Amino acid sequence: MNQPDKGVTVLSSTRPRRSRRVAAATAGIASLALILGACSGDSEDPGTTGDGDGEAMDEEITLTVATFNDFGYTEELLAQYADEHPNVTIEHVTAAESGDARTNLTTKLAAGGEGLADIEAIEVDWLPELMQYPSLFADLPTIDGRWVDWKVEQATTPEGQLIGYGTDIGPEAICYRSDLLEAAGMPSEREEVAEWIGGEGATWESYFEAGKEYTEASGDAWFDSAQATFQGMVNQLDAAYEDPATGEPLDLATNTQVKDLYDQVLTAAVEDDLSAGLEQWGDDWSAGFQNDAFATMLCPSWMTGPIEERAGSIEGWDIADVFPGGGGNWGGSFLTVPASGANTEAATELADWLTSPEIQTQAFENSGTFPSQIEVQQSDEVLAYVNDFMSGAPAGEIFATRAQSIDGAPFKGANYFAIHAEVQNGINRVDLNGEDPEKSWETAVTDAQNVIQ
């Protein structure tokens, strides 16, 4: 292998960090639908190769890959592709978090695609709204047997167009500070913590009851954020906000399944004082890892990377092989190829390589992004992976077990992201700002109605 930086440039987004990302993310959704609907009819047919493709494949080209958070695509990993394709230079652009990436992508799509990367990563919660405009993306060749079925279904249009290759999924466990639990006289070894929270029969009630014990003994918060905890709860609903048969939004005002979860998490957060009252991805949340602000948090596999990044030299983090309510999947992304790109054929080849079993195994070892590829989920490489930062936890084995408990994917339609963002805003108004829960719910209902396409 040549030096890691050969043919690879890593760039960071310069977009300023915001403390109210969820609220900002919903802005312009209705107008976006109109604009994209208008411009999608003028785009090239899906699968066209764009200017320059079809030429000799040894032509010198630059391919830009736009991701967010940490996909595990290190300079060393990308250099492997550059070594195998000496005519290709890869530029990797990384946004701070998925909301920033979404804003960038949708804004440039609405402007006709100018300035988009050759490969654009899309997070599963905002994939459905973009699936309404398949002509804006290349129709990717099918690769039979690579991914779990439900992952492929999420990125396949009713007409059969595949607009994204799956990267990771987000099987969930509980990450926790063993030192804080031990200091409070609570169970602290990972097997003991799993049983304390409820073991195989863990429920949200048993998770919150364990939290009450900890909070009463320590006087400190049990979890980081009501909004983040709600995310794990709502992902267990088969269809939270829309009718799977029609795709039409459900009436949030009478949506008892969502309201019940809203009430449950805010009762635990505010009345029982279990929440640290932090907005996930905000500056205060990041600082909370340094000042012992909370003892546990919901932990999809990809979250282990951000925890390590923010915790730094803080020791004591571990992973318990347990999750309330059974299986849970939070997040997971896809690599898409915008149809407006100049090198869609070469970009498709790179997207194929990046989502291959071998490369996704490396990405998991780099950042904890658990593979969606069937071949490697039970491989020796994945099962043997130990996360040294998380107190030597057998992360590969734990998340492989948690992945086996995922029973398909919930229905998420074109309005999912917009409605969900307003419910999250409602939770944040209570958890962060102390607003009355019923008043905040009423505001969420009204705001959700206003953003429905």
Protein backbone atom coordinates (compact mmCIF):
# COMPACT_ATOMS: atom_id res chain seq x y z
CA MET A 1 0.00 0.00 0.00
CA ASN A 2 1.17 3.51 -0.76
CA GLN A 3 1.01 6.27 1.80
CA PRO A 4 -2.50 6.74 3.29
CA ASP A 5 -3.00 10.18 1.81
CA LYS A 6 -2.37 9.09 -1.78
CA GLY A 7 -5.36 10.06 -3.88
CA VAL A 8 -7.47 10.91 -0.83
CA THR A 9 -8.47 14.31 0.46
CA VAL A 10 -10.47 14.65 3.64
CA LEU A 11 -12.50 17.82 4.07
CA SER A 12 -14.73 18.92 6.94
CA SER A 13 -17.94 20.85 6.68
CA THR A 14 -17.57 24.49 7.71
CA ARG A 15 -21.26 24.84 8.44
CA PRO A 16 -21.68 26.41 11.91
CA ARG A 17 -22.99 24.17 14.66
CA ARG A 18 -26.50 24.95 15.87
CA SER A 19 -28.15 24.22 19.18
CA ARG A 20 -31.61 23.67 17.68
CA ARG A 21 -30.87 21.40 14.78
CA VAL A 22 -34.14 19.50 14.90
CA ALA A 23 -36.23 22.63 14.56
CA ALA A 24 -34.09 24.01 11.77
CA ALA A 25 -34.16 20.74 9.87
CA THR A 26 -37.89 21.01 9.21
CA ALA A 27 -37.65 24.43 7.61
CA GLY A 28 -38.57 24.50 3.94
CA ILE A 29 -39.81 20.90 3.68
CA ALA A 30 -43.06 21.85 1.97
CA SER A 31 -41.31 24.16 -0.51
CA LEU A 32 -38.64 21.52 -1.05
CA ALA A 33 -41.32 19.09 -2.17
CA LEU A 34 -42.61 21.57 -4.75
CA ILE A 35 -39.18 22.48 -6.04
CA LEU A 36 -37.91 18.91 -6.26
CA GLY A 37 -41.15 17.81 -7.87
CA ALA A 38 -40.67 20.42 -10.55
CA CYS A 39 -37.00 19.80 -11.23
CA SER A 40 -37.18 16.00 -11.09
CA GLY A 41 -39.07 15.88 -14.34
CA ASP A 42 -36.21 17.63 -16.11
CA SER A 43 -33.47 15.34 -14.81
CA GLU A 44 -31.80 12.62 -16.79
CA ASP A 45 -33.40 9.20 -16.63
CA PRO A 46 -32.22 7.20 -13.63
CA GLY A 47 -29.13 5.21 -14.33
CA THR A 48 -27.75 7.50 -17.03
CA THR A 49 -24.02 7.86 -16.78
CA GLY A 50 -23.72 11.63 -16.99
CA ASP A 51 -21.13 13.60 -18.91
CA GLY A 52 -17.86 11.82 -19.34
CA ASP A 53 -18.92 8.29 -18.41
CA GLY A 54 -18.60 5.69 -21.07
CA GLU A 55 -15.14 7.06 -21.88
CA ALA A 56 -12.03 5.07 -21.10
CA MET A 57 -12.18 4.16 -17.42
CA ASP A 58 -8.52 5.08 -16.95
CA GLU A 59 -9.28 8.77 -17.44
CA GLU A 60 -8.07 10.90 -14.52
CA ILE A 61 -11.11 11.78 -12.41
CA THR A 62 -11.93 13.08 -8.95
CA LEU A 63 -14.81 11.51 -7.02
CA THR A 64 -16.27 13.32 -4.03
CA VAL A 65 -17.89 11.31 -1.24
CA ALA A 66 -20.12 13.27 1.17
CA THR A 67 -20.92 11.64 4.52
CA PHE A 68 -21.72 12.80 8.06
CA ASN A 69 -20.73 11.89 11.61
CA ASP A 70 -18.30 8.99 11.19
CA PHE A 71 -18.87 6.28 8.59
CA GLY A 72 -15.53 4.64 9.35
CA TYR A 73 -14.13 5.70 5.98
CA THR A 74 -10.65 6.63 7.11
CA GLU A 75 -7.87 7.98 4.90
CA GLU A 76 -6.22 4.56 5.05
CA LEU A 77 -9.40 2.79 3.93
CA LEU A 78 -10.05 5.16 1.03
CA ALA A 79 -6.41 4.92 0.01
CA GLN A 80 -7.00 1.23 -0.73
CA TYR A 81 -9.35 2.23 -3.53
CA ALA A 82 -6.94 4.85 -4.82
CA ASP A 83 -4.21 2.21 -4.91
CA GLU A 84 -6.43 -0.10 -6.97
CA HIS A 85 -7.64 2.76 -9.20
CA PRO A 86 -4.63 5.06 -9.77
CA ASN A 87 -6.69 7.30 -12.07
CA VAL A 88 -9.14 8.13 -9.27
CA THR A 89 -8.68 10.83 -6.65
CA ILE A 90 -11.17 10.68 -3.78
CA GLU A 91 -12.27 13.73 -1.82
CA HIS A 92 -14.13 12.89 1.37
CA VAL A 93 -16.37 15.66 2.73
CA THR A 94 -17.74 15.06 6.23
CA ALA A 95 -20.59 17.06 7.79
CA ALA A 96 -20.82 17.34 11.57
CA GLU A 97 -24.15 15.48 11.72
CA SER A 98 -26.93 14.20 9.50
CA GLY A 99 -29.08 17.34 9.70
CA ASP A 100 -26.30 19.39 8.14
CA ALA A 101 -25.85 16.81 5.39
CA ARG A 102 -29.58 16.76 4.67
CA THR A 103 -29.76 20.54 4.35
CA ASN A 104 -26.81 20.58 1.97
CA LEU A 105 -28.19 17.75 -0.17
CA THR A 106 -31.76 18.99 -0.48
CA THR A 107 -30.72 22.57 -1.16
CA LYS A 108 -28.43 21.53 -4.00
CA LEU A 109 -30.93 19.04 -5.42
CA ALA A 110 -33.49 21.83 -5.55
CA ALA A 111 -30.95 23.94 -7.44
CA GLY A 112 -30.54 21.28 -10.12
CA GLY A 113 -27.74 19.27 -8.54
CA GLU A 114 -24.91 21.73 -8.97
CA GLY A 115 -22.28 21.28 -6.28
CA LEU A 116 -23.42 17.84 -5.14
CA ALA A 117 -20.86 15.18 -4.36
CA ASP A 118 -20.55 12.22 -6.72
CA ILE A 119 -21.70 10.05 -3.81
CA GLU A 120 -24.11 11.45 -1.23
CA ALA A 121 -24.84 9.62 2.03
CA ILE A 122 -28.48 9.63 3.17
CA GLU A 123 -29.78 8.71 6.63
CA VAL A 124 -32.75 6.37 6.77
CA ASP A 125 -35.17 8.81 8.43
CA TRP A 126 -34.94 11.31 5.59
CA LEU A 127 -34.56 8.80 2.78
CA PRO A 128 -38.34 8.40 2.20
CA GLU A 129 -38.96 12.05 1.30
CA LEU A 130 -36.20 11.85 -1.33
CA MET A 131 -37.52 8.56 -2.70
CA GLN A 132 -40.40 10.57 -4.15
CA TYR A 133 -37.96 11.92 -6.75
CA PRO A 134 -36.12 8.84 -8.05
CA SER A 135 -35.08 10.52 -11.31
CA LEU A 136 -32.68 12.67 -9.30
CA PHE A 137 -30.63 9.58 -8.45
CA ALA A 138 -28.92 6.89 -10.49
CA ASP A 139 -30.67 3.53 -10.62
CA LEU A 140 -28.05 1.33 -8.95
CA PRO A 141 -27.46 -2.23 -10.16
CA THR A 142 -28.94 -4.86 -7.86
CA ILE A 143 -26.46 -6.94 -5.87
CA ASP A 144 -28.34 -10.04 -4.78
CA GLY A 145 -27.72 -11.39 -1.30
CA ARG A 146 -25.45 -8.61 -0.04
CA TRP A 147 -27.77 -6.92 2.47
CA VAL A 148 -30.49 -7.95 4.88
CA ASP A 149 -33.76 -7.81 2.93
CA TRP A 150 -35.35 -4.97 4.86
CA LYS A 151 -32.33 -2.75 4.23
CA VAL A 152 -32.73 -3.14 0.46
CA GLU A 153 -36.48 -2.56 0.68
CA GLN A 154 -35.94 0.77 2.40
CA ALA A 155 -34.06 2.12 -0.64
CA THR A 156 -36.21 0.56 -3.37
CA THR A 157 -39.03 2.53 -4.99
CA PRO A 158 -42.42 0.92 -5.74
CA GLU A 159 -41.30 0.78 -9.38
CA GLY A 160 -38.20 -1.19 -8.42
CA GLN A 161 -35.50 1.46 -8.66
CA LEU A 162 -32.69 1.04 -6.12
CA ILE A 163 -31.45 4.51 -5.22
CA GLY A 164 -29.03 3.64 -2.43
CA TYR A 165 -26.51 0.99 -1.38
CA GLY A 166 -26.75 0.21 2.34
CA THR A 167 -23.84 1.02 4.61
CA ASP A 168 -24.67 0.25 8.25
CA ILE A 169 -27.59 -0.53 10.48
CA GLY A 170 -27.98 0.59 14.09
CA PRO A 171 -28.70 -2.33 16.43
CA GLU A 172 -29.14 -0.87 19.90
CA ALA A 173 -27.71 -1.73 23.29
CA ILE A 174 -27.19 0.38 26.42
CA CYS A 175 -23.90 2.21 26.89
CA TYR A 176 -23.10 3.22 30.47
CA ARG A 177 -20.51 4.57 32.87
CA SER A 178 -19.47 1.65 35.05
CA ASP A 179 -17.56 3.93 37.43
CA LEU A 180 -20.61 6.11 38.11
CA LEU A 181 -22.82 3.09 38.74
CA GLU A 182 -20.25 1.54 41.05
CA ALA A 183 -19.87 4.77 43.02
CA ALA A 184 -23.65 4.82 43.54
CA GLY A 185 -23.66 1.23 44.79
CA MET A 186 -25.39 -0.09 41.67
CA PRO A 187 -24.44 -3.08 39.51
CA SER A 188 -21.54 -2.12 37.26
CA GLU A 189 -20.30 -5.25 35.44
CA ARG A 190 -21.86 -5.47 31.99
CA GLU A 191 -23.68 -8.78 32.58
CA GLU A 192 -25.02 -7.51 35.91
CA VAL A 193 -26.16 -4.25 34.37
CA ALA A 194 -27.99 -6.10 31.61
CA GLU A 195 -29.88 -8.19 34.17
CA TRP A 196 -30.57 -5.17 36.40
CA ILE A 197 -32.17 -3.34 33.49
CA GLY A 198 -34.31 -6.38 32.75
CA GLY A 199 -32.29 -8.88 30.77
CA GLU A 200 -34.07 -10.55 27.87
CA GLY A 201 -37.38 -9.29 29.20
CA ALA A 202 -36.27 -5.66 29.59
CA THR A 203 -39.00 -3.07 29.13
CA TRP A 204 -38.99 0.71 29.16
CA GLU A 205 -40.59 0.48 32.58
CA SER A 206 -37.72 -1.68 33.90
CA TYR A 207 -35.12 0.65 32.35
CA PHE A 208 -36.71 3.67 34.02
CA GLU A 209 -37.10 1.81 37.34
CA ALA A 210 -33.36 1.06 37.34
CA GLY A 211 -32.85 4.74 36.64
CA LYS A 212 -34.89 5.72 39.68
CA GLU A 213 -32.67 3.54 41.85
CA TYR A 214 -29.56 5.16 40.48
CA THR A 215 -30.87 8.72 40.68
CA GLU A 216 -32.12 8.29 44.25
CA ALA A 217 -28.73 6.89 45.29
CA SER A 218 -26.55 9.38 43.44
CA GLY A 219 -28.64 12.49 42.89
CA ASP A 220 -27.48 12.46 39.25
CA ALA A 221 -29.18 11.91 35.89
CA TRP A 222 -29.79 8.44 34.51
CA PHE A 223 -29.89 9.24 30.77
CA ASP A 224 -28.69 12.06 28.56
CA SER A 225 -31.77 13.25 26.71
CA ALA A 226 -35.52 12.63 26.61
CA GLN A 227 -35.53 13.25 22.87
CA ALA A 228 -32.79 10.67 22.29
CA THR A 229 -34.53 8.13 24.53
CA PHE A 230 -37.81 8.69 22.69
CA GLN A 231 -35.98 7.92 19.44
CA GLY A 232 -35.32 4.39 20.61
CA MET A 233 -38.91 3.98 21.76
CA VAL A 234 -40.63 5.25 18.63
CA ASN A 235 -38.41 3.14 16.37
CA GLN A 236 -40.09 0.07 17.86
CA LEU A 237 -43.48 1.07 16.45
CA ASP A 238 -44.43 -0.62 13.19
CA ALA A 239 -45.84 2.62 11.78
CA ALA A 240 -45.47 5.70 13.98
CA TYR A 241 -46.81 8.55 11.87
CA GLU A 242 -48.21 7.24 8.57
CA ASP A 243 -50.57 4.56 7.28
CA PRO A 244 -48.46 1.85 5.58
CA ALA A 245 -51.30 0.99 3.20
CA THR A 246 -51.73 4.50 1.82
CA GLY A 247 -48.70 6.46 2.99
CA GLU A 248 -51.06 9.12 4.32
CA PRO A 249 -50.11 10.83 7.61
CA LEU A 250 -51.97 9.72 10.71
CA ASP A 251 -53.72 12.38 12.76
CA LEU A 252 -51.16 13.19 15.42
CA ALA A 253 -53.86 14.63 17.66
CA THR A 254 -55.43 11.16 18.01
CA ASN A 255 -52.24 9.12 17.62
CA THR A 256 -52.33 7.37 20.99
CA GLN A 257 -49.35 5.10 20.35
CA VAL A 258 -47.03 8.09 19.87
CA LYS A 259 -48.66 10.15 22.63
CA ASP A 260 -48.28 7.29 25.10
CA LEU A 261 -44.54 7.13 24.43
CA TYR A 262 -44.31 10.92 24.64
CA ASP A 263 -45.97 10.85 28.06
CA GLN A 264 -43.89 7.94 29.28
CA VAL A 265 -40.51 9.40 28.40
CA LEU A 266 -41.34 12.86 29.77
CA THR A 267 -42.70 11.41 33.00
CA ALA A 268 -39.37 9.63 33.46
CA ALA A 269 -37.35 12.64 32.33
CA VAL A 270 -39.08 15.42 34.25
CA GLU A 271 -41.27 14.02 37.03
CA ASP A 272 -38.76 11.32 37.99
CA ASP A 273 -35.81 13.59 37.20
CA LEU A 274 -33.96 10.92 35.18
CA SER A 275 -32.87 13.15 32.29
CA ALA A 276 -29.77 15.32 32.14
CA GLY A 277 -31.85 17.69 29.99
CA LEU A 278 -29.37 17.81 27.13
CA GLU A 279 -30.07 18.09 23.42
CA GLN A 280 -28.24 15.36 21.60
CA TRP A 281 -25.43 16.67 19.37
CA GLY A 282 -25.54 20.08 21.07
CA ASP A 283 -22.51 21.63 22.70
CA ASP A 284 -23.86 21.03 26.23
CA TRP A 285 -24.42 17.37 25.39
CA SER A 286 -20.85 17.04 24.15
CA ALA A 287 -19.58 18.69 27.33
CA GLY A 288 -21.71 16.31 29.41
CA PHE A 289 -19.37 13.45 28.59
CA GLN A 290 -16.60 15.31 30.37
CA ASN A 291 -18.53 16.34 33.48
CA ASP A 292 -20.28 13.07 34.40
CA ALA A 293 -23.69 14.47 33.40
CA PHE A 294 -25.40 11.08 32.95
CA ALA A 295 -24.81 7.39 33.58
CA THR A 296 -26.47 5.66 30.62
CA MET A 297 -27.66 6.32 27.10
CA LEU A 298 -29.28 4.42 24.26
CA CYS A 299 -26.49 3.11 22.13
CA PRO A 300 -26.84 2.08 18.50
CA SER A 301 -23.57 0.56 17.36
CA TRP A 302 -22.48 3.69 15.51
CA MET A 303 -22.81 5.74 18.71
CA THR A 304 -19.68 4.19 20.22
CA GLY A 305 -17.57 6.39 17.95
CA PRO A 306 -19.14 9.71 19.00
CA ILE A 307 -18.97 8.63 22.66
CA GLU A 308 -15.25 7.98 22.42
CA GLU A 309 -14.68 11.22 20.54
CA ARG A 310 -16.44 13.31 23.19
CA ALA A 311 -15.39 11.39 26.29
CA GLY A 312 -11.71 11.61 25.44
CA SER A 313 -9.69 10.48 28.44
CA ILE A 314 -12.75 9.74 30.60
CA GLU A 315 -12.64 6.07 31.54
CA GLY A 316 -15.44 3.76 32.58
CA TRP A 317 -17.64 3.54 29.49
CA ASP A 318 -18.98 0.04 28.76
CA ILE A 319 -21.73 -1.69 26.76
CA ALA A 320 -24.53 -3.81 28.22
CA ASP A 321 -26.08 -6.44 25.96
CA VAL A 322 -29.66 -5.39 26.64
CA PHE A 323 -32.29 -3.12 25.16
CA PRO A 324 -35.73 -2.20 26.51
CA GLY A 325 -38.66 -3.53 24.55
CA GLY A 326 -36.66 -6.17 22.69
CA GLY A 327 -34.85 -5.35 19.48
CA GLY A 328 -34.23 -1.86 18.25
CA ASN A 329 -32.63 -0.27 15.22
CA TRP A 330 -31.65 3.39 15.26
CA GLY A 331 -30.33 4.86 12.08
CA GLY A 332 -28.35 3.33 9.32
CA SER A 333 -27.46 5.01 6.08
CA PHE A 334 -27.15 4.60 2.33
CA LEU A 335 -24.80 5.79 -0.39
CA THR A 336 -26.59 7.36 -3.34
CA VAL A 337 -25.30 8.60 -6.69
CA PRO A 338 -26.95 11.84 -7.83
CA ALA A 339 -27.98 11.54 -11.48
CA SER A 340 -26.62 15.01 -12.21
CA GLY A 341 -23.04 13.91 -11.57
CA ALA A 342 -20.39 13.92 -14.28
CA ASN A 343 -19.03 10.48 -13.36
CA THR A 344 -21.99 8.40 -12.23
CA GLU A 345 -20.60 5.13 -13.59
CA ALA A 346 -17.34 5.52 -11.69
CA ALA A 347 -19.23 6.77 -8.61
CA THR A 348 -21.48 3.70 -8.69
CA GLU A 349 -18.40 1.48 -8.80
CA LEU A 350 -16.96 3.28 -5.77
CA ALA A 351 -20.29 3.07 -3.88
CA ASP A 352 -20.36 -0.66 -4.61
CA TRP A 353 -16.85 -1.04 -3.20
CA LEU A 354 -17.56 1.05 -0.11
CA THR A 355 -20.59 -1.07 0.77
CA SER A 356 -18.94 -4.42 0.10
CA PRO A 357 -18.70 -6.86 3.01
CA GLU A 358 -14.93 -6.49 3.29
CA ILE A 359 -14.95 -2.69 3.44
CA GLN A 360 -17.92 -2.46 5.80
CA THR A 361 -16.08 -4.83 8.14
CA GLN A 362 -13.19 -2.38 8.20
CA ALA A 363 -15.59 0.53 8.74
CA PHE A 364 -17.08 -1.27 11.74
CA GLU A 365 -13.66 -1.80 13.24
CA ASN A 366 -12.86 1.88 12.62
CA SER A 367 -15.98 3.49 14.08
CA GLY A 368 -18.54 0.91 15.24
CA THR A 369 -20.85 1.22 12.22
CA PHE A 370 -22.41 -2.25 12.25
CA PRO A 371 -22.56 -3.82 8.77
CA SER A 372 -25.87 -4.32 6.98
CA GLN A 373 -24.17 -7.00 4.87
CA ILE A 374 -25.39 -10.53 5.65
CA GLU A 375 -22.03 -12.15 4.94
CA VAL A 376 -20.16 -10.36 7.71
CA GLN A 377 -22.70 -9.93 10.50
CA GLN A 378 -21.69 -13.29 11.94
CA SER A 379 -18.14 -13.34 10.59
CA ASP A 380 -15.14 -14.10 12.76
CA GLU A 381 -13.83 -10.57 12.15
CA VAL A 382 -16.99 -8.92 13.45
CA LEU A 383 -17.65 -11.32 16.32
CA ALA A 384 -14.07 -11.05 17.55
CA TYR A 385 -14.05 -7.25 17.56
CA VAL A 386 -13.34 -5.75 20.99
CA ASN A 387 -13.82 -2.04 21.69
CA ASP A 388 -10.87 -1.09 23.85
CA PHE A 389 -12.29 2.30 24.78
CA MET A 390 -15.54 0.75 26.01
CA SER A 391 -13.68 -1.13 28.76
CA GLY A 392 -12.75 -3.93 26.40
CA ALA A 393 -16.40 -4.77 25.67
CA PRO A 394 -16.93 -7.50 23.05
CA ALA A 395 -18.72 -4.99 20.85
CA GLY A 396 -18.86 -7.23 17.79
CA GLU A 397 -20.55 -10.03 19.69
CA ILE A 398 -22.91 -7.68 21.54
CA PHE A 399 -24.13 -5.81 18.47
CA ALA A 400 -24.38 -9.00 16.43
CA THR A 401 -26.69 -10.34 19.13
CA ARG A 402 -28.69 -7.11 19.16
CA ALA A 403 -28.95 -7.20 15.36
CA GLN A 404 -30.51 -10.67 15.53
CA SER A 405 -33.33 -9.22 17.63
CA ILE A 406 -34.33 -6.67 14.95
CA ASP A 407 -37.53 -7.84 13.31
CA GLY A 408 -37.62 -5.89 10.08
CA ALA A 409 -37.93 -2.14 9.65
CA PRO A 410 -40.82 0.14 10.63
CA PHE A 411 -42.76 1.96 7.91
CA LYS A 412 -41.43 5.44 7.26
CA GLY A 413 -43.08 7.43 4.50
CA ALA A 414 -42.48 10.78 2.85
CA ASN A 415 -43.74 12.74 5.86
CA TYR A 416 -41.95 10.76 8.57
CA PHE A 417 -38.99 13.09 9.00
CA ALA A 418 -41.09 16.26 9.18
CA ILE A 419 -43.64 14.91 11.67
CA HIS A 420 -41.03 13.22 13.81
CA ALA A 421 -38.99 16.41 14.01
CA GLU A 422 -41.99 18.31 15.41
CA VAL A 423 -42.59 15.63 18.06
CA GLN A 424 -38.90 15.80 18.98
CA ASN A 425 -39.19 19.58 19.23
CA GLY A 426 -42.12 19.09 21.58
CA ILE A 427 -40.08 16.78 23.80
CA ASN A 428 -37.15 19.21 23.83
CA ARG A 429 -39.38 22.11 24.86
CA VAL A 430 -40.27 20.15 27.98
CA ASP A 431 -36.94 18.47 28.72
CA LEU A 432 -34.71 21.45 27.96
CA ASN A 433 -36.93 24.44 28.69
CA GLY A 434 -39.45 23.21 31.26
CA GLU A 435 -42.57 23.83 29.17
CA ASP A 436 -45.82 22.15 30.21
CA PRO A 437 -45.99 18.72 28.46
CA GLU A 438 -49.61 19.06 27.33
CA LYS A 439 -49.09 22.55 25.96
CA SER A 440 -45.98 21.39 24.12
CA TRP A 441 -47.86 18.41 22.68
CA GLU A 442 -50.58 20.67 21.35
CA THR A 443 -47.93 22.83 19.69
CA ALA A 444 -46.35 19.74 18.14
CA VAL A 445 -49.71 18.65 16.73
CA THR A 446 -50.26 22.05 15.14
CA ASP A 447 -46.73 22.33 13.81
CA ALA A 448 -46.81 18.80 12.39
CA GLN A 449 -49.98 19.61 10.49
CA ASN A 450 -48.32 22.67 8.98
CA VAL A 451 -45.32 20.76 7.59
CA ILE A 452 -47.17 17.80 6.07
CA GLN A 453 -46.67 17.66 2.32
